């Protein structure tokens, strides 16, 4: 990987860990919506696919 002038490797690690932490926190907060999203997708697919009800 090429080094960009003026960049500190330690600071980039800290920023990367911070970004990863934010992503993990957002996923943690979104977890309760998982079952509802799956139910909504299933109901939508059942409504548009012709077949048994």
PDB file of N, CA and C in Angstrom:
ATOM      1  N   UNK A   1       0.854  -1.169   0.000  1.00  0.00           N
ATOM      2  CA  UNK A   1       0.000   0.000   0.000  1.00  0.00           C
ATOM      3  C   UNK A   1       0.903   1.236   0.000  1.00  0.00           C
ATOM      4  N   UNK A   2       0.577   2.188  -0.835  1.00  0.00           N
ATOM      5  CA  UNK A   2       1.388   3.395  -0.952  1.00  0.00           C
ATOM      6  C   UNK A   2       1.127   4.329   0.230  1.00  0.00           C
ATOM      7  N   UNK A   3       2.180   4.941   0.711  1.00  0.00           N
ATOM      8  CA  UNK A   3       2.058   5.909   1.800  1.00  0.00           C
ATOM      9  C   UNK A   3       1.745   7.287   1.219  1.00  0.00           C
ATOM     10  N   UNK A   4       0.788   7.956   1.820  1.00  0.00           N
ATOM     11  CA  UNK A   4       0.465   9.319   1.421  1.00  0.00           C
ATOM     12  C   UNK A   4       1.213  10.254   2.362  1.00  0.00           C
ATOM     13  N   UNK A   5       1.878  11.220   1.829  1.00  0.00           N
ATOM     14  CA  UNK A   5       2.647  12.139   2.653  1.00  0.00           C
ATOM     15  C   UNK A   5       1.791  12.860   3.663  1.00  0.00           C
ATOM     16  N   UNK A   6       2.300  12.964   4.896  1.00  0.00           N
ATOM     17  CA  UNK A   6       1.610  13.703   5.948  1.00  0.00           C
ATOM     18  C   UNK A   6       0.584  12.880   6.706  1.00  0.00           C
ATOM     19  N   UNK A   7       0.458  11.584   6.427  1.00  0.00           N
ATOM     20  CA  UNK A   7      -0.512  10.736   7.130  1.00  0.00           C
ATOM     21  C   UNK A   7       0.183   9.948   8.221  1.00  0.00           C
ATOM     22  N   UNK A   8      -0.421   9.904   9.363  1.00  0.00           N
ATOM     23  CA  UNK A   8       0.122   9.170  10.498  1.00  0.00           C
ATOM     24  C   UNK A   8      -0.571   7.815  10.579  1.00  0.00           C
ATOM     25  N   UNK A   9       0.215   6.751  10.569  1.00  0.00           N
ATOM     26  CA  UNK A   9      -0.356   5.395  10.571  1.00  0.00           C
ATOM     27  C   UNK A   9      -1.160   5.144  11.846  1.00  0.00           C
ATOM     28  N   UNK A  10      -0.683   5.598  12.994  1.00  0.00           N
ATOM     29  CA  UNK A  10      -1.400   5.385  14.260  1.00  0.00           C
ATOM     30  C   UNK A  10      -2.747   6.102  14.243  1.00  0.00           C
ATOM     31  N   UNK A  11      -2.764   7.316  13.723  1.00  0.00           N
ATOM     32  CA  UNK A  11      -4.017   8.067  13.671  1.00  0.00           C
ATOM     33  C   UNK A  11      -5.012   7.401  12.720  1.00  0.00           C
ATOM     34  N   UNK A  12      -4.510   6.823  11.636  1.00  0.00           N
ATOM     35  CA  UNK A  12      -5.424   6.155  10.713  1.00  0.00           C
ATOM     36  C   UNK A  12      -6.004   4.895  11.354  1.00  0.00           C
ATOM     37  N   UNK A  13      -5.239   4.212  12.201  1.00  0.00           N
ATOM     38  CA  UNK A  13      -5.769   3.058  12.923  1.00  0.00           C
ATOM     39  C   UNK A  13      -6.860   3.489  13.895  1.00  0.00           C
ATOM     40  N   UNK A  14      -6.631   4.590  14.597  1.00  0.00           N
ATOM     41  CA  UNK A  14      -7.631   5.097  15.539  1.00  0.00           C
ATOM     42  C   UNK A  14      -8.905   5.474  14.794  1.00  0.00           C
ATOM     43  N   UNK A  15      -8.759   6.148  13.672  1.00  0.00           N
ATOM     44  CA  UNK A  15      -9.936   6.538  12.883  1.00  0.00           C
ATOM     45  C   UNK A  15     -10.656   5.299  12.347  1.00  0.00           C
ATOM     46  N   UNK A  16      -9.914   4.291  11.918  1.00  0.00           N
ATOM     47  CA  UNK A  16     -10.524   3.058  11.430  1.00  0.00           C
ATOM     48  C   UNK A  16     -11.287   2.320  12.511  1.00  0.00           C
ATOM     49  N   UNK A  17     -10.706   2.247  13.715  1.00  0.00           N
ATOM     50  CA  UNK A  17     -11.404   1.612  14.831  1.00  0.00           C
ATOM     51  C   UNK A  17     -12.656   2.388  15.225  1.00  0.00           C
ATOM     52  N   UNK A  18     -12.569   3.710  15.184  1.00  0.00           N
ATOM     53  CA  UNK A  18     -13.739   4.534  15.484  1.00  0.00           C
ATOM     54  C   UNK A  18     -14.851   4.276  14.473  1.00  0.00           C
ATOM     55  N   UNK A  19     -14.499   4.244  13.193  1.00  0.00           N
ATOM     56  CA  UNK A  19     -15.504   3.989  12.152  1.00  0.00           C
ATOM     57  C   UNK A  19     -16.113   2.601  12.309  1.00  0.00           C
ATOM     58  N   UNK A  20     -15.290   1.606  12.609  1.00  0.00           N
ATOM     59  CA  UNK A  20     -15.804   0.252  12.819  1.00  0.00           C
ATOM     60  C   UNK A  20     -16.741   0.222  14.026  1.00  0.00           C
ATOM     61  N   UNK A  21     -16.399   0.957  15.073  1.00  0.00           N
ATOM     62  CA  UNK A  21     -17.265   1.032  16.251  1.00  0.00           C
ATOM     63  C   UNK A  21     -18.607   1.667  15.946  1.00  0.00           C
ATOM     64  N   UNK A  22     -18.601   2.699  15.132  1.00  0.00           N
ATOM     65  CA  UNK A  22     -19.857   3.348  14.742  1.00  0.00           C
ATOM     66  C   UNK A  22     -20.728   2.379  13.951  1.00  0.00           C
ATOM     67  N   UNK A  23     -20.120   1.632  13.028  1.00  0.00           N
ATOM     68  CA  UNK A  23     -20.875   0.673  12.228  1.00  0.00           C
ATOM     69  C   UNK A  23     -21.466  -0.417  13.118  1.00  0.00           C
ATOM     70  N   UNK A  24     -20.682  -0.926  14.065  1.00  0.00           N
ATOM     71  CA  UNK A  24     -21.181  -1.949  14.983  1.00  0.00           C
ATOM     72  C   UNK A  24     -22.326  -1.399  15.828  1.00  0.00           C
ATOM     73  N   UNK A  25     -22.202  -0.177  16.295  1.00  0.00           N
ATOM     74  CA  UNK A  25     -23.265   0.431  17.105  1.00  0.00           C
ATOM     75  C   UNK A  25     -24.544   0.591  16.286  1.00  0.00           C
ATOM     76  N   UNK A  26     -24.435   1.014  15.034  1.00  0.00           N
ATOM     77  CA  UNK A  26     -25.621   1.160  14.194  1.00  0.00           C
ATOM     78  C   UNK A  26     -26.277  -0.188  13.910  1.00  0.00           C
ATOM     79  N   UNK A  27     -25.469  -1.220  13.683  1.00  0.00           N
ATOM     80  CA  UNK A  27     -26.038  -2.556  13.482  1.00  0.00           C
ATOM     81  C   UNK A  27     -26.728  -3.046  14.748  1.00  0.00           C
ATOM     82  N   UNK A  28     -26.136  -2.772  15.899  1.00  0.00           N
ATOM     83  CA  UNK A  28     -26.729  -3.176  17.176  1.00  0.00           C
ATOM     84  C   UNK A  28     -28.091  -2.495  17.376  1.00  0.00           C
ATOM     85  N   UNK A  29     -28.170  -1.224  17.032  1.00  0.00           N
ATOM     86  CA  UNK A  29     -29.430  -0.499  17.178  1.00  0.00           C
ATOM     87  C   UNK A  29     -30.476  -0.957  16.162  1.00  0.00           C
ATOM     88  N   UNK A  30     -30.047  -1.444  15.008  1.00  0.00           N
ATOM     89  CA  UNK A  30     -30.974  -1.874  13.961  1.00  0.00           C
ATOM     90  C   UNK A  30     -31.467  -3.304  14.168  1.00  0.00           C
ATOM     91  N   UNK A  31     -30.833  -4.078  15.037  1.00  0.00           N
ATOM     92  CA  UNK A  31     -31.205  -5.490  15.210  1.00  0.00           C
ATOM     93  C   UNK A  31     -32.673  -5.730  15.553  1.00  0.00           C
ATOM     94  N   UNK A  32     -33.324  -4.928  16.386  1.00  0.00           N
ATOM     95  CA  UNK A  32     -34.740  -5.194  16.691  1.00  0.00           C
ATOM     96  C   UNK A  32     -35.654  -5.094  15.459  1.00  0.00           C
ATOM     97  N   UNK A  33     -35.235  -4.398  14.433  1.00  0.00           N
ATOM     98  CA  UNK A  33     -36.060  -4.274  13.233  1.00  0.00           C
ATOM     99  C   UNK A  33     -35.920  -5.476  12.302  1.00  0.00           C
ATOM    100  N   UNK A  34     -34.963  -6.371  12.551  1.00  0.00           N
ATOM    101  CA  UNK A  34     -34.731  -7.520  11.677  1.00  0.00           C
ATOM    102  C   UNK A  34     -35.959  -8.392  11.461  1.00  0.00           C
ATOM    103  N   UNK A  35     -36.580  -8.893  12.531  1.00  0.00           N
ATOM    104  CA  UNK A  35     -37.765  -9.737  12.331  1.00  0.00           C
ATOM    105  C   UNK A  35     -38.920  -9.008  11.633  1.00  0.00           C
ATOM    106  N   UNK A  36     -39.088  -7.735  11.941  1.00  0.00           N
ATOM    107  CA  UNK A  36     -40.155  -6.972  11.282  1.00  0.00           C
ATOM    108  C   UNK A  36     -39.887  -6.809   9.791  1.00  0.00           C
ATOM    109  N   UNK A  37     -38.640  -6.569   9.448  1.00  0.00           N
ATOM    110  CA  UNK A  37     -38.275  -6.434   8.036  1.00  0.00           C
ATOM    111  C   UNK A  37     -38.489  -7.739   7.287  1.00  0.00           C
ATOM    112  N   UNK A  38     -38.136  -8.865   7.906  1.00  0.00           N
ATOM    113  CA  UNK A  38     -38.338 -10.169   7.276  1.00  0.00           C
ATOM    114  C   UNK A  38     -39.834 -10.449   7.095  1.00  0.00           C
ATOM    115  N   UNK A  39     -40.638 -10.131   8.098  1.00  0.00           N
ATOM    116  CA  UNK A  39     -42.080 -10.321   7.999  1.00  0.00           C
ATOM    117  C   UNK A  39     -42.679  -9.442   6.898  1.00  0.00           C
ATOM    118  N   UNK A  40     -42.237  -8.195   6.828  1.00  0.00           N
ATOM    119  CA  UNK A  40     -42.725  -7.272   5.790  1.00  0.00           C
ATOM    120  C   UNK A  40     -42.365  -7.781   4.395  1.00  0.00           C
ATOM    121  N   UNK A  41     -41.126  -8.251   4.222  1.00  0.00           N
ATOM    122  CA  UNK A  41     -40.704  -8.764   2.919  1.00  0.00           C
ATOM    123  C   UNK A  41     -41.513 -10.009   2.552  1.00  0.00           C
ATOM    124  N   UNK A  42     -41.754 -10.891   3.510  1.00  0.00           N
ATOM    125  CA  UNK A  42     -42.545 -12.091   3.250  1.00  0.00           C
ATOM    126  C   UNK A  42     -43.970 -11.759   2.860  1.00  0.00           C
ATOM    127  N   UNK A  43     -44.596 -10.814   3.583  1.00  0.00           N
ATOM    128  CA  UNK A  43     -45.961 -10.402   3.246  1.00  0.00           C
ATOM    129  C   UNK A  43     -46.025  -9.775   1.861  1.00  0.00           C
ATOM    130  N   UNK A  44     -45.030  -8.974   1.529  1.00  0.00           N
ATOM    131  CA  UNK A  44     -44.992  -8.332   0.210  1.00  0.00           C
ATOM    132  C   UNK A  44     -44.847  -9.373  -0.889  1.00  0.00           C
ATOM    133  N   UNK A  45     -43.945 -10.336  -0.696  1.00  0.00           N
ATOM    134  CA  UNK A  45     -43.771 -11.379  -1.698  1.00  0.00           C
ATOM    135  C   UNK A  45     -45.010 -12.235  -1.854  1.00  0.00           C
ATOM    136  N   UNK A  46     -45.682 -12.539  -0.739  1.00  0.00           N
ATOM    137  CA  UNK A  46     -46.918 -13.315  -0.816  1.00  0.00           C
ATOM    138  C   UNK A  46     -48.002 -12.554  -1.555  1.00  0.00           C
ATOM    139  N   UNK A  47     -48.001 -11.244  -1.449  1.00  0.00           N
ATOM    140  CA  UNK A  47     -49.045 -10.429  -2.097  1.00  0.00           C
ATOM    141  C   UNK A  47     -48.820 -10.330  -3.610  1.00  0.00           C
ATOM    142  N   UNK A  48     -47.561 -10.337  -4.069  1.00  0.00           N
ATOM    143  CA  UNK A  48     -47.329 -10.142  -5.492  1.00  0.00           C
ATOM    144  C   UNK A  48     -47.163 -11.441  -6.257  1.00  0.00           C
ATOM    145  N   UNK A  49     -46.869 -12.551  -5.560  1.00  0.00           N
ATOM    146  CA  UNK A  49     -46.716 -13.838  -6.236  1.00  0.00           C
ATOM    147  C   UNK A  49     -48.055 -14.561  -6.235  1.00  0.00           C
ATOM    148  N   UNK A  50     -48.579 -14.840  -7.429  1.00  0.00           N
ATOM    149  CA  UNK A  50     -49.864 -15.558  -7.467  1.00  0.00           C
ATOM    150  C   UNK A  50     -49.687 -16.998  -6.970  1.00  0.00           C
ATOM    151  N   UNK A  51     -50.686 -17.487  -6.296  1.00  0.00           N
ATOM    152  CA  UNK A  51     -50.594 -18.852  -5.788  1.00  0.00           C
ATOM    153  C   UNK A  51     -51.542 -19.036  -4.629  1.00  0.00           C
ATOM    154  N   UNK A  52     -51.243 -20.019  -3.809  1.00  0.00           N
ATOM    155  CA  UNK A  52     -52.104 -20.334  -2.662  1.00  0.00           C
ATOM    156  C   UNK A  52     -52.041 -19.232  -1.630  1.00  0.00           C
ATOM    157  N   UNK A  53     -53.126 -19.126  -0.902  1.00  0.00           N
ATOM    158  CA  UNK A  53     -53.166 -18.158   0.194  1.00  0.00           C
ATOM    159  C   UNK A  53     -53.590 -18.824   1.452  1.00  0.00           C
TER     160      UNK A  53
END
